[in-house]
Amino acid sequence: MPTKVIAVLATLDTKGEEAEFLREQLEALGSRALLVDIGVMNTPATRADVTRAQVARAGGTALAALKAGKSREASQPVMSAGATKVLLQRIGKGEVHGVIGLGGLQGTAACTAVMRALPYGLPKVMVSTVASGDTSSYVGISDITMMFSVGDIIGLNQFMRKVLANAAGAAHGMAQVTVALQTRARGSKPLIGISNLGVLTRGTLLAIELFRQRGYESIVFHAVGTGGRAMELMMKQGIIGAVFDYAMGEISDELFHGLRAGGAERLTVAGALGLPQVLCPGGSEHLGILVSVPHQLPDRWKDHAHVWHNEVVLAPRLNVRELKMVAREVGRRLQSTRGNAVLMIPQLGTGSYAMPGGPMNNPKDDKAYFTALKAAVPSTIEVVERPLHAEDPAFVAEAVDRLIALIERGRTATRRRRPAARR
């Protein structure tokens, strides 16, 4: 098996001894280390393979200028940007096969900023003094493996050697894995992204099975903010090639500051890329609100129908005025969609809470919401209304059929455009 190269990200003025130990461990395992120095201020304690001057230059600023500023906070974005550029170039050439980062608060922020910009599937191991707490700001929507160093990463001792040796083993082992993460190939069957919420899970399970029966694999994302963003990043990276965007609660929560907020870009990426997509306003009639006191209803939502999703997550149903705001926002975000898309509207409810018999069923408000949605979306999107609820098997089956039809139409067009083979 060819030798794998594992990049080691560290400030070599403060983590030089530890980085050099990682080099030794990786080489003993059969990998090769690439030490990338993201330090600025003091003299490196070991030799870098990519020097801090090279990293700073790649980040757009001379190292001398960063040192003159005498601020680690100001230099961190430059060094992270530079290390990202260097690694992406080497990854693109097949010269780097994994990354290990070392750091405390600032080092973890710097290293994970780099890691979040690297492709899914590339091994990323972050050895950090802060990995035992809330790491969401460091991991984001990336596949970073956070490893708690337990002790501070200052000097080698019998415990720290074991921690670092384990990190080397983890990165080396992951780099040996032969299972490849495929990007979509023109004319091939794409991986289908599905957004899901708990109020849609039965429908999602059925969709997975129906796609499978037709020869398509799918990947499901819990649409609670991180899920939708990860799905769209996979679209950008060419991993996902078609979308059943079944859940739109991330748009509602973005407008009304709920915990499922999907960010400013949510619902725009598939259209901008021209990917086949079937959309449904699943779960968008209610919000997810985190409360500080279990089962205590905030004054803001006392005049709204509501359900307690659990003891600290409140799901209030939006009123007509608020639903129309959601409809306009959905329409605004879909303006980049120039066809290759279908919006399916379940007239009997957008999920298990809103369906007949559900705790937030309200046909009158739903009708006003759906009317506003139809008016808001661009004419390039086909709108299909059905007298069914979102989890009805007939509704899900039609959504699956329509998405596969869009995909197959695109695959047929691709085959027709291919030049004839030479004889």
Protein backbone atom coordinates (compact mmCIF):
# COMPACT_ATOMS: atom_id res chain seq x y z
CA MET A 1 0.00 0.00 0.00
CA PRO A 2 1.42 3.45 -0.91
CA THR A 3 2.73 5.54 1.96
CA LYS A 4 0.11 7.95 3.29
CA VAL A 5 0.94 11.53 4.22
CA ILE A 6 -0.63 12.96 7.38
CA ALA A 7 -0.40 16.73 7.81
CA VAL A 8 0.25 17.88 11.37
CA LEU A 9 -1.09 21.37 12.12
CA ALA A 10 0.54 23.04 15.12
CA THR A 11 2.20 26.18 16.39
CA LEU A 12 5.74 24.83 16.38
CA ASP A 13 7.00 27.46 18.81
CA THR A 14 4.75 26.05 21.57
CA LYS A 15 3.97 22.52 20.28
CA GLY A 16 7.22 21.66 18.48
CA GLU A 17 8.25 18.79 20.73
CA GLU A 18 4.80 17.24 20.54
CA ALA A 19 4.61 17.66 16.76
CA GLU A 20 8.01 16.01 16.36
CA PHE A 21 6.82 13.09 18.48
CA LEU A 22 3.80 12.75 16.20
CA ARG A 23 6.17 12.66 13.22
CA GLU A 24 8.09 9.79 14.82
CA GLN A 25 4.91 7.87 15.63
CA LEU A 26 3.45 8.28 12.16
CA GLU A 27 6.67 7.14 10.53
CA ALA A 28 6.84 4.12 12.84
CA LEU A 29 3.35 3.18 11.66
CA GLY A 30 4.32 3.52 8.01
CA SER A 31 2.89 6.97 7.22
CA ARG A 32 4.82 10.15 6.57
CA ALA A 33 4.23 13.37 8.50
CA LEU A 34 3.97 16.81 6.94
CA LEU A 35 4.51 19.38 9.70
CA VAL A 36 2.68 22.63 8.94
CA ASP A 37 3.69 25.50 11.22
CA ILE A 38 0.82 27.88 12.00
CA GLY A 39 2.72 29.72 14.74
CA VAL A 40 3.86 33.31 14.37
CA MET A 41 5.56 34.90 17.35
CA ASN A 42 8.39 32.82 18.77
CA THR A 43 11.13 30.63 17.32
CA PRO A 44 9.97 27.19 16.08
CA ALA A 45 11.18 24.34 18.28
CA THR A 46 11.43 21.87 15.41
CA ARG A 47 11.74 21.80 11.63
CA ALA A 48 8.61 22.49 9.61
CA ASP A 49 7.90 20.91 6.24
CA VAL A 50 5.68 23.88 5.43
CA THR A 51 7.12 26.91 7.19
CA ARG A 52 5.18 29.67 8.90
CA ALA A 53 6.46 32.10 6.30
CA GLN A 54 4.99 29.93 3.53
CA VAL A 55 1.71 29.63 5.39
CA ALA A 56 1.47 33.38 6.01
CA ARG A 57 2.27 34.14 2.38
CA ALA A 58 -0.43 31.71 1.23
CA GLY A 59 -2.82 33.50 3.60
CA GLY A 60 -2.11 36.82 1.91
CA THR A 61 0.16 38.54 4.45
CA ALA A 62 3.91 38.51 4.98
CA LEU A 63 5.06 36.87 8.20
CA ALA A 64 6.98 40.01 9.16
CA ALA A 65 3.78 42.03 9.09
CA LEU A 66 2.03 39.52 11.35
CA LYS A 67 4.93 39.52 13.80
CA ALA A 68 4.98 43.31 13.86
CA GLY A 69 1.33 43.28 14.91
CA LYS A 70 2.22 41.13 17.92
CA SER A 71 -1.31 39.70 18.12
CA ARG A 72 -2.11 36.01 17.92
CA GLU A 73 -5.78 36.87 17.52
CA ALA A 74 -5.13 39.01 14.44
CA SER A 75 -2.73 36.51 12.88
CA GLN A 76 -4.92 33.43 13.37
CA PRO A 77 -7.31 34.06 10.43
CA VAL A 78 -4.35 34.65 8.10
CA MET A 79 -2.54 31.49 9.17
CA SER A 80 -5.71 29.42 9.02
CA ALA A 81 -6.45 30.71 5.52
CA GLY A 82 -2.89 30.02 4.44
CA ALA A 83 -2.84 26.50 5.85
CA THR A 84 -6.20 25.82 4.19
CA LYS A 85 -4.88 26.92 0.81
CA VAL A 86 -1.71 24.86 1.16
CA LEU A 87 -3.56 21.72 2.21
CA LEU A 88 -6.30 21.98 -0.41
CA GLN A 89 -3.66 22.23 -3.12
CA ARG A 90 -1.84 19.15 -1.81
CA ILE A 91 -5.06 17.20 -1.26
CA GLY A 92 -6.10 18.00 -4.82
CA LYS A 93 -2.82 16.51 -6.06
CA GLY A 94 -3.23 13.42 -3.86
CA GLU A 95 -0.28 14.44 -1.67
CA VAL A 96 -2.08 14.62 1.71
CA HIS A 97 -4.34 11.86 3.06
CA GLY A 98 -5.22 13.02 6.57
CA VAL A 99 -4.75 15.80 9.14
CA ILE A 100 -3.95 15.95 12.85
CA GLY A 101 -4.28 19.22 14.77
CA LEU A 102 -2.83 20.13 18.17
CA GLY A 103 -4.11 22.99 20.28
CA GLY A 104 -5.66 24.69 23.25
CA LEU A 105 -8.35 27.33 22.84
CA GLN A 106 -6.67 29.34 20.08
CA GLY A 107 -4.93 26.40 18.47
CA THR A 108 -8.16 24.43 18.33
CA ALA A 109 -9.95 27.37 16.72
CA ALA A 110 -7.17 27.78 14.16
CA CYS A 111 -6.80 24.10 13.29
CA THR A 112 -10.51 23.36 13.06
CA ALA A 113 -11.04 26.43 10.85
CA VAL A 114 -8.70 24.69 8.42
CA MET A 115 -10.32 21.27 8.88
CA ARG A 116 -13.84 22.59 8.24
CA ALA A 117 -12.69 23.77 4.81
CA LEU A 118 -11.34 20.36 3.81
CA PRO A 119 -13.36 17.74 1.92
CA TYR A 120 -15.68 15.29 3.63
CA GLY A 121 -14.10 11.88 4.04
CA LEU A 122 -10.55 13.12 4.58
CA PRO A 123 -9.44 11.95 8.07
CA LYS A 124 -9.36 14.87 10.53
CA VAL A 125 -8.22 14.31 14.14
CA MET A 126 -8.14 17.32 16.49
CA VAL A 127 -6.23 16.72 19.75
CA SER A 128 -7.53 19.48 21.97
CA THR A 129 -7.61 20.61 25.58
CA VAL A 130 -11.21 21.77 25.07
CA ALA A 131 -12.64 18.64 23.43
CA SER A 132 -14.58 17.55 26.53
CA GLY A 133 -17.04 20.47 26.40
CA ASP A 134 -19.34 21.88 23.74
CA THR A 135 -17.34 21.44 20.53
CA SER A 136 -20.07 22.50 18.11
CA SER A 137 -18.36 25.77 17.22
CA TYR A 138 -15.20 23.87 16.31
CA VAL A 139 -16.76 20.95 14.45
CA GLY A 140 -19.57 22.84 12.71
CA ILE A 141 -20.88 20.56 9.96
CA SER A 142 -17.55 18.88 9.27
CA ASP A 143 -16.49 15.28 10.01
CA ILE A 144 -13.81 16.26 12.51
CA THR A 145 -12.88 13.73 15.19
CA MET A 146 -12.34 15.62 18.45
CA MET A 147 -9.90 13.94 20.87
CA PHE A 148 -9.61 15.26 24.43
CA SER A 149 -5.96 15.60 25.45
CA VAL A 150 -6.94 15.50 29.17
CA GLY A 151 -3.74 17.30 30.17
CA ASP A 152 -2.50 20.50 28.61
CA ILE A 153 -0.38 19.97 25.51
CA ILE A 154 2.77 21.42 27.03
CA GLY A 155 5.73 19.06 27.11
CA LEU A 156 5.99 15.30 26.75
CA ASN A 157 5.39 12.82 29.54
CA GLN A 158 4.27 9.22 29.70
CA PHE A 159 0.59 10.18 29.54
CA MET A 160 0.88 12.74 26.72
CA ARG A 161 2.99 10.35 24.66
CA LYS A 162 0.16 7.82 24.84
CA VAL A 163 -2.46 10.41 23.83
CA LEU A 164 -0.40 11.57 20.86
CA ALA A 165 0.47 8.02 19.84
CA ASN A 166 -3.25 7.20 19.84
CA ALA A 167 -3.92 10.24 17.66
CA ALA A 168 -1.23 9.13 15.22
CA GLY A 169 -2.72 5.65 15.16
CA ALA A 170 -6.20 7.02 14.53
CA ALA A 171 -5.16 9.22 11.61
CA HIS A 172 -2.86 6.56 10.14
CA GLY A 173 -5.60 3.92 10.40
CA MET A 174 -8.25 6.12 8.82
CA ALA A 175 -5.91 6.96 5.96
CA GLN A 176 -5.53 3.24 5.16
CA VAL A 177 -9.27 2.74 4.65
CA THR A 178 -10.00 1.76 1.06
CA VAL A 179 -13.70 2.66 1.05
CA ALA A 180 -13.91 5.74 -1.15
CA LEU A 181 -16.34 8.62 -0.88
CA GLN A 182 -17.65 8.96 -4.43
CA THR A 183 -18.59 12.25 -6.04
CA ARG A 184 -21.32 12.19 -8.62
CA ALA A 185 -20.28 11.16 -12.10
CA ARG A 186 -22.08 12.53 -15.13
CA GLY A 187 -24.79 10.13 -16.23
CA SER A 188 -24.54 7.91 -13.12
CA LYS A 189 -27.22 7.47 -10.47
CA PRO A 190 -26.68 10.23 -7.88
CA LEU A 191 -26.77 9.97 -4.13
CA ILE A 192 -30.05 11.56 -3.01
CA GLY A 193 -30.16 13.90 -0.01
CA ILE A 194 -33.30 13.83 2.15
CA SER A 195 -34.10 16.40 4.82
CA ASN A 196 -36.13 15.02 7.72
CA LEU A 197 -37.76 15.96 11.01
CA GLY A 198 -39.33 13.78 13.67
CA VAL A 199 -42.80 14.72 12.39
CA LEU A 200 -41.84 13.23 9.00
CA THR A 201 -39.88 10.13 9.96
CA ARG A 202 -42.44 7.57 8.74
CA GLY A 203 -42.52 9.26 5.37
CA THR A 204 -38.73 9.45 5.25
CA LEU A 205 -38.36 5.73 5.97
CA LEU A 206 -40.78 4.97 3.16
CA ALA A 207 -38.92 7.27 0.77
CA ILE A 208 -35.61 5.55 1.56
CA GLU A 209 -37.13 2.17 0.74
CA LEU A 210 -38.80 3.39 -2.46
CA PHE A 211 -35.55 4.96 -3.67
CA ARG A 212 -33.72 1.74 -2.82
CA GLN A 213 -36.18 -0.32 -4.83
CA ARG A 214 -35.42 1.87 -7.85
CA GLY A 215 -31.67 1.46 -7.43
CA TYR A 216 -30.90 4.76 -5.67
CA GLU A 217 -29.03 5.31 -2.41
CA SER A 218 -30.08 8.17 -0.14
CA ILE A 219 -28.62 9.97 2.85
CA VAL A 220 -30.88 11.55 5.49
CA PHE A 221 -30.19 14.80 7.34
CA HIS A 222 -31.95 15.85 10.53
CA ALA A 223 -33.13 19.31 9.53
CA VAL A 224 -32.20 21.09 12.76
CA GLY A 225 -29.81 23.65 11.28
CA THR A 226 -26.61 21.65 11.04
CA GLY A 227 -28.36 18.95 9.01
CA GLY A 228 -29.55 21.22 6.23
CA ARG A 229 -26.22 23.02 6.03
CA ALA A 230 -24.32 19.73 5.83
CA MET A 231 -26.64 18.48 3.09
CA GLU A 232 -26.00 21.58 1.03
CA LEU A 233 -22.24 21.45 1.59
CA MET A 234 -22.32 17.89 0.23
CA MET A 235 -24.12 19.22 -2.82
CA LYS A 236 -21.32 21.74 -3.35
CA GLN A 237 -18.67 19.04 -2.95
CA GLY A 238 -20.38 16.87 -5.56
CA ILE A 239 -21.36 14.10 -3.15
CA ILE A 240 -25.13 14.65 -3.37
CA GLY A 241 -26.63 14.94 -6.84
CA ALA A 242 -30.38 15.21 -6.20
CA VAL A 243 -32.57 16.31 -3.30
CA PHE A 244 -35.85 15.35 -1.67
CA ASP A 245 -36.06 18.45 0.53
CA TYR A 246 -38.86 17.07 2.65
CA ALA A 247 -38.44 19.35 5.69
CA MET A 248 -38.45 23.16 5.68
CA GLY A 249 -38.54 23.86 9.40
CA GLU A 250 -35.05 25.35 9.15
CA ILE A 251 -36.51 28.29 7.22
CA SER A 252 -39.23 28.96 9.80
CA ASP A 253 -36.73 28.82 12.65
CA GLU A 254 -34.33 31.12 10.81
CA LEU A 255 -37.07 33.76 10.65
CA PHE A 256 -38.26 33.37 14.24
CA HIS A 257 -34.96 32.51 15.98
CA GLY A 258 -35.69 28.86 16.67
CA LEU A 259 -33.09 26.20 17.41
CA ARG A 260 -33.44 24.64 13.92
CA ALA A 261 -32.33 27.79 12.06
CA GLY A 262 -30.65 26.74 8.81
CA GLY A 263 -28.70 29.87 7.95
CA ALA A 264 -28.92 32.42 5.16
CA GLU A 265 -27.98 30.00 2.38
CA ARG A 266 -30.41 27.21 3.19
CA LEU A 267 -32.73 26.26 0.31
CA THR A 268 -30.66 28.10 -2.30
CA VAL A 269 -27.88 25.67 -3.18
CA ALA A 270 -29.67 22.97 -5.18
CA GLY A 271 -31.25 25.59 -7.40
CA ALA A 272 -27.98 27.43 -7.95
CA LEU A 273 -26.32 24.13 -8.93
CA GLY A 274 -29.22 23.04 -11.11
CA LEU A 275 -29.73 19.80 -9.18
CA PRO A 276 -33.01 17.88 -9.48
CA GLN A 277 -35.10 18.59 -6.42
CA VAL A 278 -38.52 17.84 -5.03
CA LEU A 279 -39.53 20.16 -2.21
CA CYS A 280 -42.12 19.88 0.53
CA PRO A 281 -42.90 22.37 3.32
CA GLY A 282 -42.64 19.60 5.89
CA GLY A 283 -42.60 20.72 9.52
CA SER A 284 -42.52 24.39 8.59
CA GLU A 285 -45.83 25.27 10.27
CA HIS A 286 -44.18 25.10 13.71
CA LEU A 287 -40.92 26.09 15.38
CA GLY A 288 -38.43 24.46 17.72
CA ILE A 289 -37.85 26.73 20.72
CA LEU A 290 -35.38 25.87 23.48
CA VAL A 291 -36.68 27.01 26.89
CA SER A 292 -34.57 27.56 29.98
CA VAL A 293 -37.09 26.10 32.45
CA PRO A 294 -38.64 22.70 31.63
CA HIS A 295 -42.28 22.90 30.56
CA GLN A 296 -42.48 26.64 31.23
CA LEU A 297 -44.28 28.31 28.31
CA PRO A 298 -42.68 31.67 27.35
CA ASP A 299 -45.05 34.64 27.16
CA ARG A 300 -44.20 35.07 23.45
CA TRP A 301 -45.97 31.80 22.59
CA LYS A 302 -48.87 31.67 25.06
CA ASP A 303 -51.42 32.59 22.39
CA HIS A 304 -50.13 29.91 19.97
CA ALA A 305 -51.17 26.27 19.73
CA HIS A 306 -48.19 24.25 20.85
CA VAL A 307 -46.69 20.86 21.64
CA TRP A 308 -43.82 20.01 23.96
CA HIS A 309 -41.37 18.07 21.80
CA ASN A 310 -39.53 17.22 25.01
CA GLU A 311 -39.30 18.92 28.40
CA VAL A 312 -37.12 21.79 27.13
CA VAL A 313 -38.06 22.02 23.43
CA LEU A 314 -41.32 23.78 22.69
CA ALA A 315 -43.00 23.47 19.28
CA PRO A 316 -45.43 26.39 18.82
CA ARG A 317 -47.57 26.50 15.70
CA LEU A 318 -47.20 29.71 13.68
CA ASN A 319 -50.24 31.90 13.08
CA VAL A 320 -51.43 33.00 9.63
CA ARG A 321 -49.38 36.19 9.56
CA GLU A 322 -46.24 34.32 10.52
CA LEU A 323 -46.90 31.52 8.03
CA LYS A 324 -47.21 34.04 5.23
CA MET A 325 -43.81 35.43 6.24
CA VAL A 326 -42.37 31.92 5.95
CA ALA A 327 -43.97 31.51 2.53
CA ARG A 328 -42.43 34.73 1.27
CA GLU A 329 -39.02 33.73 2.63
CA VAL A 330 -39.21 30.31 0.99
CA GLY A 331 -40.10 31.97 -2.30
CA ARG A 332 -37.24 34.44 -1.99
CA ARG A 333 -34.72 31.68 -1.38
CA LEU A 334 -35.97 29.67 -4.35
CA GLN A 335 -35.54 32.48 -6.87
CA SER A 336 -32.25 30.93 -7.99
CA THR A 337 -34.09 27.74 -8.97
CA ARG A 338 -34.57 27.86 -12.73
CA GLY A 339 -36.48 24.64 -13.24
CA ASN A 340 -35.64 20.99 -12.57
CA ALA A 341 -37.75 21.30 -9.41
CA VAL A 342 -41.18 20.42 -8.09
CA LEU A 343 -42.88 21.81 -4.97
CA MET A 344 -45.34 19.30 -3.54
CA ILE A 345 -47.96 20.68 -1.15
CA PRO A 346 -49.70 18.26 1.26
CA GLN A 347 -53.09 19.92 1.74
CA LEU A 348 -53.95 17.83 4.80
CA GLY A 349 -50.91 18.84 6.82
CA THR A 350 -47.16 19.23 6.71
CA GLY A 351 -46.31 16.57 9.30
CA SER A 352 -47.67 14.45 12.13
CA TYR A 353 -48.40 17.48 14.34
CA ALA A 354 -50.47 19.20 11.62
CA MET A 355 -52.26 16.25 10.01
CA PRO A 356 -55.92 15.41 10.79
CA GLY A 357 -56.06 14.25 14.39
CA GLY A 358 -52.73 15.88 15.16
CA PRO A 359 -52.36 18.33 18.06
CA MET A 360 -51.82 21.33 15.75
CA ASN A 361 -54.17 20.50 12.88
CA ASN A 362 -55.56 23.73 11.42
CA PRO A 363 -56.91 23.36 7.84
CA LYS A 364 -57.91 27.02 7.55
CA ASP A 365 -54.45 28.36 8.37
CA ASP A 366 -52.81 25.68 6.23
CA LYS A 367 -54.88 26.76 3.22
CA ALA A 368 -53.77 30.37 3.65
CA TYR A 369 -50.15 29.24 4.02
CA PHE A 370 -50.25 27.11 0.89
CA THR A 371 -51.87 29.90 -1.11
CA ALA A 372 -49.06 32.22 -0.04
CA LEU A 373 -46.44 29.59 -0.95
CA LYS A 374 -47.84 29.15 -4.45
CA ALA A 375 -47.76 32.89 -4.97
CA ALA A 376 -44.21 33.24 -3.67
CA VAL A 377 -42.28 30.55 -5.54
CA PRO A 378 -40.94 31.33 -9.02
CA SER A 379 -42.87 30.11 -12.05
CA THR A 380 -39.92 27.89 -12.97
CA ILE A 381 -40.92 25.51 -10.16
CA GLU A 382 -43.82 23.17 -10.85
CA VAL A 383 -46.35 23.20 -8.00
CA VAL A 384 -48.35 20.05 -7.25
CA GLU A 385 -51.10 19.99 -4.62
CA ARG A 386 -52.53 16.78 -3.23
CA PRO A 387 -55.40 16.23 -0.74
CA LEU A 388 -53.09 14.18 1.45
CA HIS A 389 -50.87 14.76 4.48
CA ALA A 390 -47.09 14.79 4.19
CA GLU A 391 -46.57 11.28 5.56
CA ASP A 392 -49.31 9.66 3.48
CA PRO A 393 -47.71 6.80 1.51
CA ALA A 394 -49.33 8.01 -1.70
CA PHE A 395 -47.86 11.48 -1.23
CA VAL A 396 -44.38 10.12 -0.52
CA ALA A 397 -44.54 7.69 -3.43
CA GLU A 398 -45.42 10.48 -5.85
CA ALA A 399 -42.62 12.66 -4.50
CA VAL A 400 -40.16 9.81 -5.07
CA ASP A 401 -41.51 9.15 -8.58
CA ARG A 402 -41.28 12.80 -9.52
CA LEU A 403 -37.70 13.17 -8.29
CA ILE A 404 -36.59 10.04 -10.13
CA ALA A 405 -38.26 11.36 -13.27
CA LEU A 406 -36.27 14.60 -12.98
CA ILE A 407 -33.06 12.63 -12.43
CA GLU A 408 -33.68 10.27 -15.34
CA ARG A 409 -34.52 13.14 -17.65
CA GLY A 410 -31.18 14.71 -16.81
CA ARG A 411 -29.29 11.44 -17.23
CA THR A 412 -30.92 10.87 -20.63
CA ALA A 413 -29.98 14.37 -21.76
CA THR A 414 -26.39 13.77 -20.62
CA ARG A 415 -26.16 10.54 -22.60
CA ARG A 416 -27.50 12.27 -25.72
CA ARG A 417 -24.89 15.03 -25.43
CA ARG A 418 -21.98 12.59 -25.26
CA PRO A 419 -19.89 12.44 -28.44
CA ALA A 420 -20.15 9.22 -30.39
CA ALA A 421 -17.34 6.75 -29.73
CA ARG A 422 -14.71 6.51 -32.44
CA ARG A 423 -14.59 3.31 -34.44
